[in-house]
Amino acid sequence: MATVQQCRAALVQLAVTMSEADEQTGNNLLERTLSVTLTDLGVTFSGRLRGGLLTEVATDPAPPAQIRVTTTSDDLVALTSGTLDFARAWASGRLRVRGTLADLLRLRTLL
């Protein structure tokens, strides 16, 4: 089981990856609220993706986010490190994502 600190670092890596993709494509689609529920730790991170940074990160209850991810701590770390395939994790139920179709496709291409 990954620690809360490892999961926080994985979320920061996700924001960096999304920012790099925006720079390459010329898009600026990072203005999203995000929540990540880690079922094995019983923790939900919430924050705002803005300008390549994940800001306002908290574990306090927050209003529903535009992108909501549910997974385990180990799977989050594996997804952001590239050792777990997004599509396989999603298809097998190891990863659940709620958001717009565009956000889902964007996450799929980045992880």
PDB file of N, CA and C in Angstrom:
ATOM      1  N   MET A   1       0.850  -1.172   0.000  1.00  0.00           N
ATOM      2  CA  MET A   1       0.000   0.000   0.000  1.00  0.00           C
ATOM      3  C   MET A   1       0.897   1.238   0.000  1.00  0.00           C
ATOM      4  N   ALA A   2       0.616   2.140  -0.910  1.00  0.00           N
ATOM      5  CA  ALA A   2       1.364   3.396  -0.992  1.00  0.00           C
ATOM      6  C   ALA A   2       0.945   4.306   0.159  1.00  0.00           C
ATOM      7  N   THR A   3       1.833   5.202   0.532  1.00  0.00           N
ATOM      8  CA  THR A   3       1.529   6.138   1.610  1.00  0.00           C
ATOM      9  C   THR A   3       0.789   7.358   1.068  1.00  0.00           C
ATOM     10  N   VAL A   4       0.238   8.130   1.965  1.00  0.00           N
ATOM     11  CA  VAL A   4      -0.446   9.365   1.576  1.00  0.00           C
ATOM     12  C   VAL A   4       0.540  10.306   0.883  1.00  0.00           C
ATOM     13  N   GLN A   5       1.781  10.367   1.367  1.00  0.00           N
ATOM     14  CA  GLN A   5       2.786  11.235   0.758  1.00  0.00           C
ATOM     15  C   GLN A   5       3.123  10.778  -0.662  1.00  0.00           C
ATOM     16  N   GLN A   6       3.224   9.479  -0.893  1.00  0.00           N
ATOM     17  CA  GLN A   6       3.487   8.971  -2.245  1.00  0.00           C
ATOM     18  C   GLN A   6       2.327   9.311  -3.174  1.00  0.00           C
ATOM     19  N   CYS A   7       1.120   9.233  -2.672  1.00  0.00           N
ATOM     20  CA  CYS A   7      -0.055   9.558  -3.492  1.00  0.00           C
ATOM     21  C   CYS A   7      -0.101  11.047  -3.809  1.00  0.00           C
ATOM     22  N   ARG A   8       0.249  11.874  -2.850  1.00  0.00           N
ATOM     23  CA  ARG A   8       0.301  13.324  -3.098  1.00  0.00           C
ATOM     24  C   ARG A   8       1.336  13.625  -4.182  1.00  0.00           C
ATOM     25  N   ALA A   9       2.492  12.961  -4.120  1.00  0.00           N
ATOM     26  CA  ALA A   9       3.529  13.140  -5.142  1.00  0.00           C
ATOM     27  C   ALA A   9       3.039  12.659  -6.505  1.00  0.00           C
ATOM     28  N   ALA A  10       2.267  11.584  -6.532  1.00  0.00           N
ATOM     29  CA  ALA A  10       1.719  11.080  -7.794  1.00  0.00           C
ATOM     30  C   ALA A  10       0.753  12.092  -8.404  1.00  0.00           C
ATOM     31  N   LEU A  11      -0.025  12.764  -7.577  1.00  0.00           N
ATOM     32  CA  LEU A  11      -0.943  13.795  -8.078  1.00  0.00           C
ATOM     33  C   LEU A  11      -0.184  14.981  -8.650  1.00  0.00           C
ATOM     34  N   VAL A  12       0.902  15.343  -8.012  1.00  0.00           N
ATOM     35  CA  VAL A  12       1.738  16.430  -8.535  1.00  0.00           C
ATOM     36  C   VAL A  12       2.308  16.016  -9.893  1.00  0.00           C
ATOM     37  N   GLN A  13       2.744  14.769 -10.019  1.00  0.00           N
ATOM     38  CA  GLN A  13       3.273  14.269 -11.290  1.00  0.00           C
ATOM     39  C   GLN A  13       2.198  14.302 -12.364  1.00  0.00           C
ATOM     40  N   LEU A  14       0.969  13.967 -12.019  1.00  0.00           N
ATOM     41  CA  LEU A  14      -0.137  14.033 -12.975  1.00  0.00           C
ATOM     42  C   LEU A  14      -0.310  15.456 -13.493  1.00  0.00           C
ATOM     43  N   ALA A  15      -0.266  16.437 -12.616  1.00  0.00           N
ATOM     44  CA  ALA A  15      -0.404  17.838 -13.028  1.00  0.00           C
ATOM     45  C   ALA A  15       0.728  18.249 -13.952  1.00  0.00           C
ATOM     46  N   VAL A  16       1.954  17.824 -13.648  1.00  0.00           N
ATOM     47  CA  VAL A  16       3.103  18.147 -14.498  1.00  0.00           C
ATOM     48  C   VAL A  16       2.934  17.526 -15.872  1.00  0.00           C
ATOM     49  N   THR A  17       2.510  16.272 -15.926  1.00  0.00           N
ATOM     50  CA  THR A  17       2.307  15.588 -17.203  1.00  0.00           C
ATOM     51  C   THR A  17       1.252  16.298 -18.041  1.00  0.00           C
ATOM     52  N   MET A  18       0.164  16.712 -17.394  1.00  0.00           N
ATOM     53  CA  MET A  18      -0.886  17.423 -18.119  1.00  0.00           C
ATOM     54  C   MET A  18      -0.385  18.766 -18.628  1.00  0.00           C
ATOM     55  N   SER A  19       0.419  19.451 -17.830  1.00  0.00           N
ATOM     56  CA  SER A  19       0.967  20.738 -18.233  1.00  0.00           C
ATOM     57  C   SER A  19       1.885  20.586 -19.439  1.00  0.00           C
ATOM     58  N   GLU A  20       2.743  19.573 -19.425  1.00  0.00           N
ATOM     59  CA  GLU A  20       3.646  19.332 -20.554  1.00  0.00           C
ATOM     60  C   GLU A  20       2.868  19.027 -21.822  1.00  0.00           C
ATOM     61  N   ALA A  21       1.792  18.280 -21.697  1.00  0.00           N
ATOM     62  CA  ALA A  21       0.970  17.975 -22.864  1.00  0.00           C
ATOM     63  C   ALA A  21       0.316  19.234 -23.405  1.00  0.00           C
ATOM     64  N   ASP A  22      -0.119  20.119 -22.521  1.00  0.00           N
ATOM     65  CA  ASP A  22      -0.716  21.386 -22.962  1.00  0.00           C
ATOM     66  C   ASP A  22       0.295  22.239 -23.710  1.00  0.00           C
ATOM     67  N   GLU A  23       1.529  22.268 -23.222  1.00  0.00           N
ATOM     68  CA  GLU A  23       2.570  23.048 -23.896  1.00  0.00           C
ATOM     69  C   GLU A  23       2.839  22.506 -25.297  1.00  0.00           C
ATOM     70  N   GLN A  24       2.820  21.196 -25.460  1.00  0.00           N
ATOM     71  CA  GLN A  24       3.091  20.580 -26.759  1.00  0.00           C
ATOM     72  C   GLN A  24       1.954  20.812 -27.741  1.00  0.00           C
ATOM     73  N   THR A  25       0.718  20.818 -27.248  1.00  0.00           N
ATOM     74  CA  THR A  25      -0.429  20.959 -28.140  1.00  0.00           C
ATOM     75  C   THR A  25      -0.911  22.394 -28.275  1.00  0.00           C
ATOM     76  N   GLY A  26      -0.470  23.274 -27.383  1.00  0.00           N
ATOM     77  CA  GLY A  26      -0.928  24.656 -27.419  1.00  0.00           C
ATOM     78  C   GLY A  26      -2.295  24.833 -26.783  1.00  0.00           C
ATOM     79  N   ASN A  27      -2.806  23.804 -26.149  1.00  0.00           N
ATOM     80  CA  ASN A  27      -4.102  23.885 -25.473  1.00  0.00           C
ATOM     81  C   ASN A  27      -3.900  24.354 -24.047  1.00  0.00           C
ATOM     82  N   ASN A  28      -4.949  24.875 -23.470  1.00  0.00           N
ATOM     83  CA  ASN A  28      -4.917  25.213 -22.052  1.00  0.00           C
ATOM     84  C   ASN A  28      -6.190  24.684 -21.412  1.00  0.00           C
ATOM     85  N   LEU A  29      -6.217  23.387 -21.229  1.00  0.00           N
ATOM     86  CA  LEU A  29      -7.415  22.734 -20.718  1.00  0.00           C
ATOM     87  C   LEU A  29      -7.267  22.310 -19.263  1.00  0.00           C
ATOM     88  N   LEU A  30      -6.350  22.932 -18.564  1.00  0.00           N
ATOM     89  CA  LEU A  30      -6.055  22.480 -17.214  1.00  0.00           C
ATOM     90  C   LEU A  30      -6.940  23.088 -16.134  1.00  0.00           C
ATOM     91  N   GLU A  31      -7.832  23.941 -16.473  1.00  0.00           N
ATOM     92  CA  GLU A  31      -8.678  24.578 -15.465  1.00  0.00           C
ATOM     93  C   GLU A  31      -9.796  23.619 -15.067  1.00  0.00           C
ATOM     94  N   ARG A  32      -9.475  22.723 -14.133  1.00  0.00           N
ATOM     95  CA  ARG A  32     -10.442  21.727 -13.685  1.00  0.00           C
ATOM     96  C   ARG A  32     -10.290  21.516 -12.182  1.00  0.00           C
ATOM     97  N   THR A  33     -11.403  21.211 -11.537  1.00  0.00           N
ATOM     98  CA  THR A  33     -11.319  20.739 -10.163  1.00  0.00           C
ATOM     99  C   THR A  33     -11.199  19.228 -10.214  1.00  0.00           C
ATOM    100  N   LEU A  34     -10.448  18.670  -9.284  1.00  0.00           N
ATOM    101  CA  LEU A  34     -10.121  17.243  -9.308  1.00  0.00           C
ATOM    102  C   LEU A  34     -10.277  16.672  -7.907  1.00  0.00           C
ATOM    103  N   SER A  35     -10.859  15.482  -7.835  1.00  0.00           N
ATOM    104  CA  SER A  35     -10.836  14.744  -6.575  1.00  0.00           C
ATOM    105  C   SER A  35     -10.393  13.326  -6.881  1.00  0.00           C
ATOM    106  N   VAL A  36      -9.589  12.793  -5.992  1.00  0.00           N
ATOM    107  CA  VAL A  36      -9.081  11.429  -6.124  1.00  0.00           C
ATOM    108  C   VAL A  36      -9.360  10.718  -4.810  1.00  0.00           C
ATOM    109  N   THR A  37     -10.229   9.711  -4.871  1.00  0.00           N
ATOM    110  CA  THR A  37     -10.551   8.919  -3.697  1.00  0.00           C
ATOM    111  C   THR A  37      -9.723   7.649  -3.719  1.00  0.00           C
ATOM    112  N   LEU A  38      -8.979   7.440  -2.659  1.00  0.00           N
ATOM    113  CA  LEU A  38      -8.143   6.257  -2.517  1.00  0.00           C
ATOM    114  C   LEU A  38      -8.855   5.311  -1.551  1.00  0.00           C
ATOM    115  N   THR A  39      -9.427   4.264  -2.122  1.00  0.00           N
ATOM    116  CA  THR A  39     -10.301   3.390  -1.350  1.00  0.00           C
ATOM    117  C   THR A  39      -9.576   2.645  -0.233  1.00  0.00           C
ATOM    118  N   ASP A  40      -8.328   2.269  -0.455  1.00  0.00           N
ATOM    119  CA  ASP A  40      -7.610   1.510   0.567  1.00  0.00           C
ATOM    120  C   ASP A  40      -7.120   2.373   1.717  1.00  0.00           C
ATOM    121  N   LEU A  41      -6.901   3.650   1.486  1.00  0.00           N
ATOM    122  CA  LEU A  41      -6.458   4.555   2.540  1.00  0.00           C
ATOM    123  C   LEU A  41      -7.615   5.300   3.194  1.00  0.00           C
ATOM    124  N   GLY A  42      -8.781   5.282   2.541  1.00  0.00           N
ATOM    125  CA  GLY A  42      -9.921   6.025   3.059  1.00  0.00           C
ATOM    126  C   GLY A  42      -9.712   7.524   3.010  1.00  0.00           C
ATOM    127  N   VAL A  43      -8.971   7.983   1.991  1.00  0.00           N
ATOM    128  CA  VAL A  43      -8.633   9.401   1.852  1.00  0.00           C
ATOM    129  C   VAL A  43      -9.120   9.895   0.498  1.00  0.00           C
ATOM    130  N   THR A  44      -9.640  11.116   0.478  1.00  0.00           N
ATOM    131  CA  THR A  44      -9.981  11.768  -0.772  1.00  0.00           C
ATOM    132  C   THR A  44      -9.197  13.067  -0.863  1.00  0.00           C
ATOM    133  N   PHE A  45      -8.381  13.175  -1.900  1.00  0.00           N
ATOM    134  CA  PHE A  45      -7.670  14.412  -2.181  1.00  0.00           C
ATOM    135  C   PHE A  45      -8.558  15.249  -3.082  1.00  0.00           C
ATOM    136  N   SER A  46      -8.562  16.534  -2.867  1.00  0.00           N
ATOM    137  CA  SER A  46      -9.241  17.436  -3.786  1.00  0.00           C
ATOM    138  C   SER A  46      -8.304  18.591  -4.067  1.00  0.00           C
ATOM    139  N   GLY A  47      -8.453  19.156  -5.235  1.00  0.00           N
ATOM    140  CA  GLY A  47      -7.614  20.282  -5.609  1.00  0.00           C
ATOM    141  C   GLY A  47      -8.060  20.871  -6.924  1.00  0.00           C
ATOM    142  N   ARG A  48      -7.282  21.815  -7.404  1.00  0.00           N
ATOM    143  CA  ARG A  48      -7.590  22.496  -8.656  1.00  0.00           C
ATOM    144  C   ARG A  48      -6.376  22.402  -9.558  1.00  0.00           C
ATOM    145  N   LEU A  49      -6.607  21.877 -10.764  1.00  0.00           N
ATOM    146  CA  LEU A  49      -5.569  21.870 -11.791  1.00  0.00           C
ATOM    147  C   LEU A  49      -5.604  23.227 -12.474  1.00  0.00           C
ATOM    148  N   ARG A  50      -4.488  23.936 -12.398  1.00  0.00           N
ATOM    149  CA  ARG A  50      -4.447  25.281 -12.975  1.00  0.00           C
ATOM    150  C   ARG A  50      -3.015  25.597 -13.397  1.00  0.00           C
ATOM    151  N   GLY A  51      -2.834  25.894 -14.671  1.00  0.00           N
ATOM    152  CA  GLY A  51      -1.532  26.323 -15.167  1.00  0.00           C
ATOM    153  C   GLY A  51      -0.414  25.335 -14.918  1.00  0.00           C
ATOM    154  N   GLY A  52      -0.719  24.055 -14.991  1.00  0.00           N
ATOM    155  CA  GLY A  52       0.304  23.041 -14.807  1.00  0.00           C
ATOM    156  C   GLY A  52       0.587  22.695 -13.357  1.00  0.00           C
ATOM    157  N   LEU A  53      -0.183  23.263 -12.469  1.00  0.00           N
ATOM    158  CA  LEU A  53       0.009  22.993 -11.049  1.00  0.00           C
ATOM    159  C   LEU A  53      -1.267  22.435 -10.453  1.00  0.00           C
ATOM    160  N   LEU A  54      -1.105  21.613  -9.464  1.00  0.00           N
ATOM    161  CA  LEU A  54      -2.233  21.152  -8.679  1.00  0.00           C
ATOM    162  C   LEU A  54      -2.233  21.999  -7.413  1.00  0.00           C
ATOM    163  N   THR A  55      -3.206  22.892  -7.308  1.00  0.00           N
ATOM    164  CA  THR A  55      -3.239  23.837  -6.191  1.00  0.00           C
ATOM    165  C   THR A  55      -4.394  23.506  -5.266  1.00  0.00           C
ATOM    166  N   GLU A  56      -4.373  24.134  -4.126  1.00  0.00           N
ATOM    167  CA  GLU A  56      -5.445  24.004  -3.146  1.00  0.00           C
ATOM    168  C   GLU A  56      -5.701  22.547  -2.782  1.00  0.00           C
ATOM    169  N   VAL A  57      -4.640  21.737  -2.724  1.00  0.00           N
ATOM    170  CA  VAL A  57      -4.778  20.324  -2.402  1.00  0.00           C
ATOM    171  C   VAL A  57      -5.146  20.176  -0.936  1.00  0.00           C
ATOM    172  N   ALA A  58      -6.188  19.406  -0.696  1.00  0.00           N
ATOM    173  CA  ALA A  58      -6.659  19.186   0.665  1.00  0.00           C
ATOM    174  C   ALA A  58      -7.263  17.792   0.778  1.00  0.00           C
ATOM    175  N   THR A  59      -7.383  17.339   1.976  1.00  0.00           N
ATOM    176  CA  THR A  59      -8.079  16.072   2.212  1.00  0.00           C
ATOM    177  C   THR A  59      -9.396  16.309   2.932  1.00  0.00           C
ATOM    178  N   ASP A  60      -9.754  17.568   3.085  1.00  0.00           N
ATOM    179  CA  ASP A  60     -11.030  17.917   3.696  1.00  0.00           C
ATOM    180  C   ASP A  60     -12.151  17.654   2.696  1.00  0.00           C
ATOM    181  N   PRO A  61     -13.346  17.409   3.186  1.00  0.00           N
ATOM    182  CA  PRO A  61     -14.471  17.256   2.253  1.00  0.00           C
ATOM    183  C   PRO A  61     -14.610  18.509   1.386  1.00  0.00           C
ATOM    184  N   ALA A  62     -14.863  18.286   0.122  1.00  0.00           N
ATOM    185  CA  ALA A  62     -14.968  19.392  -0.826  1.00  0.00           C
ATOM    186  C   ALA A  62     -16.200  19.179  -1.693  1.00  0.00           C
ATOM    187  N   PRO A  63     -16.676  20.224  -2.342  1.00  0.00           N
ATOM    188  CA  PRO A  63     -17.802  20.050  -3.263  1.00  0.00           C
ATOM    189  C   PRO A  63     -17.413  19.110  -4.400  1.00  0.00           C
ATOM    190  N   PRO A  64     -18.392  18.550  -5.092  1.00  0.00           N
ATOM    191  CA  PRO A  64     -18.075  17.647  -6.207  1.00  0.00           C
ATOM    192  C   PRO A  64     -17.139  18.304  -7.221  1.00  0.00           C
ATOM    193  N   ALA A  65     -16.164  17.549  -7.662  1.00  0.00           N
ATOM    194  CA  ALA A  65     -15.176  18.049  -8.610  1.00  0.00           C
ATOM    195  C   ALA A  65     -15.612  17.773 -10.036  1.00  0.00           C
ATOM    196  N   GLN A  66     -15.003  18.480 -10.986  1.00  0.00           N
ATOM    197  CA  GLN A  66     -15.296  18.253 -12.401  1.00  0.00           C
ATOM    198  C   GLN A  66     -14.761  16.900 -12.857  1.00  0.00           C
ATOM    199  N   ILE A  67     -13.618  16.491 -12.301  1.00  0.00           N
ATOM    200  CA  ILE A  67     -13.051  15.173 -12.595  1.00  0.00           C
ATOM    201  C   ILE A  67     -12.940  14.440 -11.266  1.00  0.00           C
ATOM    202  N   ARG A  68     -13.582  13.265 -11.183  1.00  0.00           N
ATOM    203  CA  ARG A  68     -13.539  12.478  -9.955  1.00  0.00           C
ATOM    204  C   ARG A  68     -12.954  11.111 -10.273  1.00  0.00           C
ATOM    205  N   VAL A  69     -11.896  10.766  -9.580  1.00  0.00           N
ATOM    206  CA  VAL A  69     -11.186   9.512  -9.797  1.00  0.00           C
ATOM    207  C   VAL A  69     -11.282   8.686  -8.520  1.00  0.00           C
ATOM    208  N   THR A  70     -11.547   7.383  -8.685  1.00  0.00           N
ATOM    209  CA  THR A  70     -11.566   6.464  -7.553  1.00  0.00           C
ATOM    210  C   THR A  70     -10.667   5.289  -7.897  1.00  0.00           C
ATOM    211  N   THR A  71      -9.723   5.008  -7.021  1.00  0.00           N
ATOM    212  CA  THR A  71      -8.781   3.910  -7.238  1.00  0.00           C
ATOM    213  C   THR A  71      -8.118   3.575  -5.905  1.00  0.00           C
ATOM    214  N   THR A  72      -7.115   2.706  -5.939  1.00  0.00           N
ATOM    215  CA  THR A  72      -6.325   2.412  -4.742  1.00  0.00           C
ATOM    216  C   THR A  72      -5.043   3.226  -4.795  1.00  0.00           C
ATOM    217  N   SER A  73      -4.381   3.318  -3.663  1.00  0.00           N
ATOM    218  CA  SER A  73      -3.135   4.087  -3.598  1.00  0.00           C
ATOM    219  C   SER A  73      -2.066   3.492  -4.511  1.00  0.00           C
ATOM    220  N   ASP A  74      -1.922   2.184  -4.506  1.00  0.00           N
ATOM    221  CA  ASP A  74      -0.914   1.542  -5.357  1.00  0.00           C
ATOM    222  C   ASP A  74      -1.213   1.770  -6.836  1.00  0.00           C
ATOM    223  N   ASP A  75      -2.482   1.692  -7.208  1.00  0.00           N
ATOM    224  CA  ASP A  75      -2.838   1.892  -8.614  1.00  0.00           C
ATOM    225  C   ASP A  75      -2.611   3.334  -9.048  1.00  0.00           C
ATOM    226  N   LEU A  76      -2.861   4.300  -8.172  1.00  0.00           N
ATOM    227  CA  LEU A  76      -2.592   5.700  -8.513  1.00  0.00           C
ATOM    228  C   LEU A  76      -1.113   5.902  -8.793  1.00  0.00           C
ATOM    229  N   VAL A  77      -0.268   5.383  -7.921  1.00  0.00           N
ATOM    230  CA  VAL A  77       1.178   5.523  -8.110  1.00  0.00           C
ATOM    231  C   VAL A  77       1.611   4.804  -9.386  1.00  0.00           C
ATOM    232  N   ALA A  78       1.076   3.613  -9.633  1.00  0.00           N
ATOM    233  CA  ALA A  78       1.431   2.858 -10.839  1.00  0.00           C
ATOM    234  C   ALA A  78       0.966   3.568 -12.107  1.00  0.00           C
ATOM    235  N   LEU A  79      -0.208   4.175 -12.074  1.00  0.00           N
ATOM    236  CA  LEU A  79      -0.712   4.912 -13.239  1.00  0.00           C
ATOM    237  C   LEU A  79       0.185   6.090 -13.581  1.00  0.00           C
ATOM    238  N   THR A  80       0.561   6.857 -12.581  1.00  0.00           N
ATOM    239  CA  THR A  80       1.357   8.053 -12.858  1.00  0.00           C
ATOM    240  C   THR A  80       2.808   7.727 -13.175  1.00  0.00           C
ATOM    241  N   SER A  81       3.282   6.555 -12.765  1.00  0.00           N
ATOM    242  CA  SER A  81       4.656   6.161 -13.091  1.00  0.00           C
ATOM    243  C   SER A  81       4.735   5.421 -14.422  1.00  0.00           C
ATOM    244  N   GLY A  82       3.581   5.062 -14.977  1.00  0.00           N
ATOM    245  CA  GLY A  82       3.555   4.395 -16.271  1.00  0.00           C
ATOM    246  C   GLY A  82       3.608   2.881 -16.213  1.00  0.00           C
ATOM    247  N   THR A  83       3.542   2.303 -15.033  1.00  0.00           N
ATOM    248  CA  THR A  83       3.590   0.844 -14.934  1.00  0.00           C
ATOM    249  C   THR A  83       2.211   0.189 -15.000  1.00  0.00           C
ATOM    250  N   LEU A  84       1.160   0.974 -14.943  1.00  0.00           N
ATOM    251  CA  LEU A  84      -0.208   0.469 -15.087  1.00  0.00           C
ATOM    252  C   LEU A  84      -0.882   1.218 -16.221  1.00  0.00           C
ATOM    253  N   ASP A  85      -1.442   0.492 -17.160  1.00  0.00           N
ATOM    254  CA  ASP A  85      -2.107   1.075 -18.313  1.00  0.00           C
ATOM    255  C   ASP A  85      -3.491   1.606 -17.916  1.00  0.00           C
ATOM    256  N   PHE A  86      -3.756   2.857 -18.290  1.00  0.00           N
ATOM    257  CA  PHE A  86      -5.021   3.509 -17.950  1.00  0.00           C
ATOM    258  C   PHE A  86      -6.213   2.704 -18.461  1.00  0.00           C
ATOM    259  N   ALA A  87      -6.192   2.333 -19.735  1.00  0.00           N
ATOM    260  CA  ALA A  87      -7.338   1.641 -20.343  1.00  0.00           C
ATOM    261  C   ALA A  87      -7.602   0.297 -19.666  1.00  0.00           C
ATOM    262  N   ARG A  88      -6.558  -0.435 -19.370  1.00  0.00           N
ATOM    263  CA  ARG A  88      -6.740  -1.737 -18.704  1.00  0.00           C
ATOM    264  C   ARG A  88      -7.267  -1.560 -17.288  1.00  0.00           C
ATOM    265  N   ALA A  89      -6.737  -0.578 -16.580  1.00  0.00           N
ATOM    266  CA  ALA A  89      -7.206  -0.326 -15.213  1.00  0.00           C
ATOM    267  C   ALA A  89      -8.673   0.092 -15.223  1.00  0.00           C
ATOM    268  N   TRP A  90      -9.044   0.929 -16.168  1.00  0.00           N
ATOM    269  CA  TRP A  90     -10.426   1.396 -16.267  1.00  0.00           C
ATOM    270  C   TRP A  90     -11.353   0.258 -16.673  1.00  0.00           C
ATOM    271  N   ALA A  91     -10.946  -0.531 -17.681  1.00  0.00           N
ATOM    272  CA  ALA A  91     -11.779  -1.635 -18.171  1.00  0.00           C
ATOM    273  C   ALA A  91     -11.971  -2.723 -17.113  1.00  0.00           C
ATOM    274  N   SER A  92     -10.970  -2.917 -16.274  1.00  0.00           N
ATOM    275  CA  SER A  92     -11.060  -3.965 -15.256  1.00  0.00           C
ATOM    276  C   SER A  92     -11.738  -3.487 -13.970  1.00  0.00           C
ATOM    277  N   GLY A  93     -12.045  -2.195 -13.885  1.00  0.00           N
ATOM    278  CA  GLY A  93     -12.703  -1.662 -12.708  1.00  0.00           C
ATOM    279  C   GLY A  93     -11.749  -1.232 -11.611  1.00  0.00           C
ATOM    280  N   ARG A  94     -10.462  -1.298 -11.867  1.00  0.00           N
ATOM    281  CA  ARG A  94      -9.479  -0.858 -10.873  1.00  0.00           C
ATOM    282  C   ARG A  94      -9.435   0.660 -10.771  1.00  0.00           C
ATOM    283  N   LEU A  95      -9.969   1.325 -11.775  1.00  0.00           N
ATOM    284  CA  LEU A  95      -9.976   2.781 -11.846  1.00  0.00           C
ATOM    285  C   LEU A  95     -11.354   3.232 -12.309  1.00  0.00           C
ATOM    286  N   ARG A  96     -11.937   4.143 -11.573  1.00  0.00           N
ATOM    287  CA  ARG A  96     -13.216   4.732 -11.991  1.00  0.00           C
ATOM    288  C   ARG A  96     -13.012   6.224 -12.153  1.00  0.00           C
ATOM    289  N   VAL A  97     -13.525   6.763 -13.251  1.00  0.00           N
ATOM    290  CA  VAL A  97     -13.381   8.188 -13.536  1.00  0.00           C
ATOM    291  C   VAL A  97     -14.753   8.742 -13.877  1.00  0.00           C
ATOM    292  N   ARG A  98     -15.092   9.840 -13.234  1.00  0.00           N
ATOM    293  CA  ARG A  98     -16.314  10.561 -13.567  1.00  0.00           C
ATOM    294  C   ARG A  98     -15.920  11.951 -14.024  1.00  0.00           C
ATOM    295  N   GLY A  99     -16.452  12.349 -15.131  1.00  0.00           N
ATOM    296  CA  GLY A  99     -16.181  13.661 -15.698  1.00  0.00           C
ATOM    297  C   GLY A  99     -16.725  13.681 -17.106  1.00  0.00           C
ATOM    298  N   THR A 100     -16.352  14.686 -17.853  1.00  0.00           N
ATOM    299  CA  THR A 100     -16.801  14.747 -19.239  1.00  0.00           C
ATOM    300  C   THR A 100     -16.025  13.730 -20.072  1.00  0.00           C
ATOM    301  N   LEU A 101     -16.555  13.400 -21.207  1.00  0.00           N
ATOM    302  CA  LEU A 101     -15.870  12.481 -22.109  1.00  0.00           C
ATOM    303  C   LEU A 101     -14.515  13.066 -22.522  1.00  0.00           C
ATOM    304  N   ALA A 102     -14.461  14.352 -22.753  1.00  0.00           N
ATOM    305  CA  ALA A 102     -13.193  14.993 -23.133  1.00  0.00           C
ATOM    306  C   ALA A 102     -12.148  14.845 -22.023  1.00  0.00           C
ATOM    307  N   ASP A 103     -12.568  15.014 -20.768  1.00  0.00           N
ATOM    308  CA  ASP A 103     -11.635  14.855 -19.652  1.00  0.00           C
ATOM    309  C   ASP A 103     -11.156  13.414 -19.546  1.00  0.00           C
ATOM    310  N   LEU A 104     -12.060  12.467 -19.727  1.00  0.00           N
ATOM    311  CA  LEU A 104     -11.686  11.052 -19.675  1.00  0.00           C
ATOM    312  C   LEU A 104     -10.671  10.716 -20.760  1.00  0.00           C
ATOM    313  N   LEU A 105     -10.915  11.164 -21.974  1.00  0.00           N
ATOM    314  CA  LEU A 105      -9.983  10.894 -23.065  1.00  0.00           C
ATOM    315  C   LEU A 105      -8.643  11.583 -22.833  1.00  0.00           C
ATOM    316  N   ARG A 106      -8.678  12.765 -22.270  1.00  0.00           N
ATOM    317  CA  ARG A 106      -7.451  13.496 -21.977  1.00  0.00           C
ATOM    318  C   ARG A 106      -6.616  12.759 -20.935  1.00  0.00           C
ATOM    319  N   LEU A 107      -7.251  12.301 -19.863  1.00  0.00           N
ATOM    320  CA  LEU A 107      -6.534  11.542 -18.852  1.00  0.00           C
ATOM    321  C   LEU A 107      -5.958  10.259 -19.429  1.00  0.00           C
ATOM    322  N   ARG A 108      -6.726   9.600 -20.280  1.00  0.00           N
ATOM    323  CA  ARG A 108      -6.274   8.352 -20.887  1.00  0.00           C
ATOM    324  C   ARG A 108      -5.004   8.539 -21.690  1.00  0.00           C
ATOM    325  N   THR A 109      -4.902   9.643 -22.407  1.00  0.00           N
ATOM    326  CA  THR A 109      -3.717   9.874 -23.232  1.00  0.00           C
ATOM    327  C   THR A 109      -2.504  10.297 -22.409  1.00  0.00           C
ATOM    328  N   LEU A 110      -2.737  10.807 -21.200  1.00  0.00           N
ATOM    329  CA  LEU A 110      -1.641  11.312 -20.381  1.00  0.00           C
ATOM    330  C   LEU A 110      -1.067  10.297 -19.417  1.00  0.00           C
ATOM    331  N   LEU A 111      -1.843   9.302 -19.078  1.00  0.00           N
ATOM    332  CA  LEU A 111      -1.375   8.326 -18.091  1.00  0.00           C
ATOM    333  C   LEU A 111      -0.888   7.062 -18.751  1.00  0.00           C
TER     334      LEU A 111
END
